[in-house]
Amino acid sequence: MDKYPYSNEDTNMVTHGVPANFGFKGNYNYVQGGDIYLEAIGIARELWGRYPDEVMCTFHNLLKSQGIFRLRSGEKEPSSEDIYARFIFRLGESKYELVLNTTNQPISITRPYDEEEVLRFSEITTRSIRMIVRSDYNYIEQIIAMTKRLHHVVYTDVHDKWLFTKLHIKDRIDPEDYRESALEIRAERKLQNILSQCSIFVNDWPVGHIFYSAISDGRQS
């Protein structure tokens, strides 16, 4: 990986954007939130030499072209309409904001993706889904797939599609924290059939929350 165009001593200034190299997955025609998340935490690790202690991210639009990440400063910040995703990283007592904008450059790569295979060893109960984290898929991919499956079982009264729109994880950002661990997603609440909140557990320890929004135009996570 090339070194990102920021210095560790001056990360509060936007110098250059970090272009992404996204690909589509399976039959999706937009970049998956999990792939955006992985790219973002990779940038954070490159910038500060370690993974953040806490990550909060929100997804605002579907990205159907290549994107570029930028650290936010007080000058020339893009308007909210230009932001496709926003990340807040906490490292110790410091917080940093990273945003994703589109470059309008086409995506030319499509990778195979089988969500049923990701979930092959999962076990689902009334309001939770569990599995041992697989080494052949990244942890955020498994969290998203498990949450989506849980929605289809728990919220059968919602006929719209569910879209992954928000994530909050604390103290479990490094992929090594998930190796051979028991991962569980628990359905917590649903607000007016348009927003859901699920809790994330690693070895029965709460590490964060994932949020989905119901939409009616056929898009899904």
Protein backbone atom coordinates (compact mmCIF):
# COMPACT_ATOMS: atom_id res chain seq x y z
CA MET A 1 0.00 0.00 0.00
CA ASP A 2 1.34 3.41 -0.93
CA LYS A 3 1.84 5.84 1.90
CA TYR A 4 -1.10 8.18 2.29
CA PRO A 5 -0.44 11.89 1.57
CA TYR A 6 -0.77 13.03 5.18
CA SER A 7 1.86 13.41 7.83
CA ASN A 8 1.34 11.90 11.27
CA GLU A 9 2.21 15.30 12.76
CA ASP A 10 -0.41 17.31 10.85
CA THR A 11 -3.49 15.16 10.41
CA ASN A 12 -5.86 18.02 11.22
CA MET A 13 -5.22 19.56 7.79
CA VAL A 14 -6.59 18.31 4.51
CA THR A 15 -3.68 18.06 2.08
CA HIS A 16 -4.75 15.57 -0.57
CA GLY A 17 -7.57 13.12 -0.95
CA VAL A 18 -6.96 9.39 -0.73
CA PRO A 19 -8.51 7.75 -3.80
CA ALA A 20 -10.30 4.47 -3.27
CA ASN A 21 -10.24 1.48 -5.58
CA PHE A 22 -13.67 0.00 -5.05
CA GLY A 23 -15.31 -2.88 -6.84
CA PHE A 24 -18.87 -4.13 -6.96
CA LYS A 25 -19.88 -7.36 -5.24
CA GLY A 26 -22.07 -9.98 -6.84
CA ASN A 27 -25.18 -8.45 -8.40
CA TYR A 28 -24.97 -5.15 -6.52
CA ASN A 29 -24.55 -1.97 -8.55
CA TYR A 30 -23.24 0.14 -5.68
CA VAL A 31 -20.29 -0.12 -3.29
CA GLN A 32 -21.08 -2.08 -0.17
CA GLY A 33 -20.84 -0.33 3.19
CA GLY A 34 -18.50 -3.00 4.49
CA ASP A 35 -15.98 -2.30 1.73
CA ILE A 36 -16.13 1.43 2.49
CA TYR A 37 -15.57 0.68 6.19
CA LEU A 38 -12.52 -1.49 5.49
CA GLU A 39 -10.97 1.17 3.28
CA ALA A 40 -11.58 3.85 5.91
CA ILE A 41 -10.05 1.96 8.84
CA GLY A 42 -7.12 1.06 6.61
CA ILE A 43 -6.50 4.76 6.08
CA ALA A 44 -6.74 5.35 9.83
CA ARG A 45 -4.20 2.63 10.53
CA GLU A 46 -1.83 4.06 7.95
CA LEU A 47 -2.17 7.55 9.36
CA TRP A 48 -1.70 6.78 13.03
CA GLY A 49 0.12 3.47 12.99
CA ARG A 50 -2.71 1.59 14.71
CA TYR A 51 -6.42 1.04 14.52
CA PRO A 52 -8.71 3.57 16.25
CA ASP A 53 -10.12 2.82 19.69
CA GLU A 54 -13.60 3.67 18.47
CA VAL A 55 -15.31 4.09 15.09
CA MET A 56 -18.61 5.80 14.37
CA CYS A 57 -19.75 5.89 10.75
CA THR A 58 -22.84 6.89 8.82
CA PHE A 59 -23.73 6.26 5.18
CA HIS A 60 -25.67 8.98 3.38
CA ASN A 61 -25.89 7.97 -0.28
CA LEU A 62 -25.28 4.90 -2.41
CA LEU A 63 -21.88 5.13 -4.07
CA LYS A 64 -22.03 3.89 -7.67
CA SER A 65 -18.66 5.22 -8.82
CA GLN A 66 -15.17 5.46 -7.40
CA GLY A 67 -14.67 7.60 -4.31
CA ILE A 68 -12.07 9.68 -2.55
CA PHE A 69 -11.52 10.00 1.21
CA ARG A 70 -10.62 13.31 2.83
CA LEU A 71 -9.85 14.38 6.38
CA ARG A 72 -12.04 17.29 7.37
CA SER A 73 -10.64 20.70 8.27
CA GLY A 74 -12.29 24.04 8.92
CA GLU A 75 -11.75 25.28 5.38
CA LYS A 76 -13.42 24.33 2.11
CA GLU A 77 -15.36 21.47 3.59
CA PRO A 78 -17.67 19.71 1.12
CA SER A 79 -21.38 20.24 1.58
CA SER A 80 -23.45 17.46 3.10
CA GLU A 81 -24.89 16.64 -0.34
CA ASP A 82 -21.41 15.64 -1.52
CA ILE A 83 -20.76 13.24 1.35
CA TYR A 84 -21.44 9.57 0.78
CA ALA A 85 -20.07 8.36 4.12
CA ARG A 86 -18.69 9.97 7.28
CA PHE A 87 -16.35 8.39 9.82
CA ILE A 88 -15.41 9.62 13.27
CA PHE A 89 -12.30 7.96 14.68
CA ARG A 90 -11.33 8.20 18.32
CA LEU A 91 -7.72 7.56 19.30
CA GLY A 92 -7.26 8.14 23.01
CA GLU A 93 -8.73 11.57 23.75
CA SER A 94 -8.50 12.80 20.14
CA LYS A 95 -11.16 12.56 17.45
CA TYR A 96 -10.76 12.82 13.69
CA GLU A 97 -13.30 13.01 10.88
CA LEU A 98 -12.93 11.30 7.52
CA VAL A 99 -15.47 11.75 4.73
CA LEU A 100 -16.02 9.96 1.45
CA ASN A 101 -16.90 11.85 -1.74
CA THR A 102 -17.46 10.55 -5.24
CA THR A 103 -15.01 11.05 -8.10
CA ASN A 104 -17.62 10.07 -10.71
CA GLN A 105 -15.07 7.67 -12.18
CA PRO A 106 -16.68 4.38 -13.22
CA ILE A 107 -16.11 1.16 -11.32
CA SER A 108 -14.83 -1.55 -13.63
CA ILE A 109 -14.37 -4.48 -11.26
CA THR A 110 -17.04 -6.90 -10.07
CA ARG A 111 -16.14 -9.55 -7.51
CA PRO A 112 -18.15 -12.71 -6.81
CA TYR A 113 -20.09 -12.68 -3.56
CA ASP A 114 -22.26 -15.40 -2.02
CA GLU A 115 -24.04 -14.20 1.12
CA GLU A 116 -25.51 -17.65 1.76
CA GLU A 117 -22.00 -19.05 1.93
CA VAL A 118 -20.93 -16.34 4.39
CA LEU A 119 -23.75 -17.44 6.71
CA ARG A 120 -23.39 -21.19 6.20
CA PHE A 121 -22.37 -21.86 9.81
CA SER A 122 -24.64 -19.32 11.49
CA GLU A 123 -27.33 -20.22 14.02
CA ILE A 124 -30.40 -18.06 14.45
CA THR A 125 -32.85 -17.87 17.35
CA THR A 126 -35.88 -15.71 18.05
CA ARG A 127 -34.01 -12.38 18.19
CA SER A 128 -30.32 -13.18 17.65
CA ILE A 129 -27.89 -14.80 15.24
CA ARG A 130 -24.53 -16.33 16.16
CA MET A 131 -21.51 -17.83 14.42
CA ILE A 132 -17.80 -18.36 14.90
CA VAL A 133 -15.98 -15.70 12.90
CA ARG A 134 -14.68 -17.15 9.64
CA SER A 135 -11.15 -16.46 8.48
CA ASP A 136 -12.11 -16.47 4.79
CA TYR A 137 -14.35 -13.40 5.12
CA ASN A 138 -13.64 -10.12 6.90
CA TYR A 139 -15.46 -9.44 10.14
CA ILE A 140 -17.51 -6.46 8.96
CA GLU A 141 -18.76 -8.51 6.00
CA GLN A 142 -19.98 -11.15 8.46
CA ILE A 143 -21.56 -8.60 10.80
CA ILE A 144 -23.52 -7.03 7.93
CA ALA A 145 -24.65 -10.37 6.47
CA MET A 146 -25.74 -11.64 9.89
CA THR A 147 -27.68 -8.45 10.64
CA LYS A 148 -29.45 -8.59 7.30
CA ARG A 149 -30.48 -12.21 7.84
CA LEU A 150 -31.71 -11.39 11.33
CA HIS A 151 -33.91 -8.62 9.96
CA HIS A 152 -35.58 -11.02 7.55
CA VAL A 153 -36.45 -13.32 10.45
CA VAL A 154 -37.38 -10.83 13.17
CA TYR A 155 -39.05 -8.03 11.23
CA THR A 156 -41.35 -9.95 8.92
CA ASP A 157 -43.92 -7.16 9.15
CA VAL A 158 -41.63 -4.82 7.22
CA HIS A 159 -41.93 -5.37 3.47
CA ASP A 160 -39.43 -2.72 2.40
CA LYS A 161 -35.75 -3.52 1.94
CA TRP A 162 -33.27 -2.93 4.76
CA LEU A 163 -30.15 -0.85 4.09
CA PHE A 164 -27.08 -0.67 6.35
CA THR A 165 -26.76 3.01 7.31
CA LYS A 166 -24.85 3.39 10.59
CA LEU A 167 -22.25 1.63 12.72
CA HIS A 168 -20.63 2.21 16.10
CA ILE A 169 -17.83 -0.11 17.28
CA LYS A 170 -15.59 0.36 20.29
CA ASP A 171 -12.36 -1.46 21.23
CA ARG A 172 -12.82 -4.17 18.57
CA ILE A 173 -11.54 -2.61 15.36
CA ASP A 174 -8.47 -4.76 14.68
CA PRO A 175 -9.35 -7.90 12.67
CA GLU A 176 -7.19 -9.89 15.08
CA ASP A 177 -9.76 -9.14 17.80
CA TYR A 178 -12.25 -11.32 15.93
CA ARG A 179 -10.09 -14.34 15.08
CA GLU A 180 -11.95 -17.56 15.97
CA SER A 181 -14.28 -15.57 18.23
CA ALA A 182 -17.99 -16.06 18.78
CA LEU A 183 -19.87 -13.27 17.00
CA GLU A 184 -23.47 -12.49 17.88
CA ILE A 185 -25.98 -9.92 16.62
CA ARG A 186 -29.04 -9.20 18.76
CA ALA A 187 -32.11 -7.34 17.54
CA GLU A 188 -32.81 -4.54 20.02
CA ARG A 189 -35.49 -2.26 18.65
CA LYS A 190 -37.33 -1.02 15.58
CA LEU A 191 -38.63 2.53 15.24
CA GLN A 192 -41.80 3.04 13.16
CA ASN A 193 -40.76 0.34 10.68
CA ILE A 194 -38.06 2.60 9.24
CA LEU A 195 -35.04 2.29 11.54
CA SER A 196 -33.58 -0.62 13.48
CA GLN A 197 -30.84 -1.04 16.05
CA CYS A 198 -28.96 -4.26 16.72
CA SER A 199 -26.21 -4.92 19.26
CA ILE A 200 -22.89 -6.56 18.38
CA PHE A 201 -21.24 -9.03 20.78
CA VAL A 202 -17.84 -10.70 20.57
CA ASN A 203 -17.45 -13.63 22.96
CA ASP A 204 -20.55 -12.34 24.78
CA TRP A 205 -18.92 -8.92 25.28
CA PRO A 206 -20.85 -5.89 23.88
CA VAL A 207 -18.69 -4.02 21.35
CA GLY A 208 -21.13 -1.80 19.46
CA HIS A 209 -24.31 -1.30 17.48
CA ILE A 210 -25.34 -1.52 13.85
CA PHE A 211 -28.30 0.35 12.39
CA TYR A 212 -30.43 -0.36 9.32
CA SER A 213 -32.99 1.78 7.54
CA ALA A 214 -36.00 0.47 5.61
CA ILE A 215 -36.33 1.78 2.06
CA SER A 216 -38.92 1.15 -0.62
CA ASP A 217 -37.07 1.41 -3.92
CA GLY A 218 -35.53 -2.04 -4.06
CA ARG A 219 -32.05 -1.23 -2.78
CA GLN A 220 -30.66 -3.50 -0.15
CA SER A 221 -27.43 -4.04 1.75
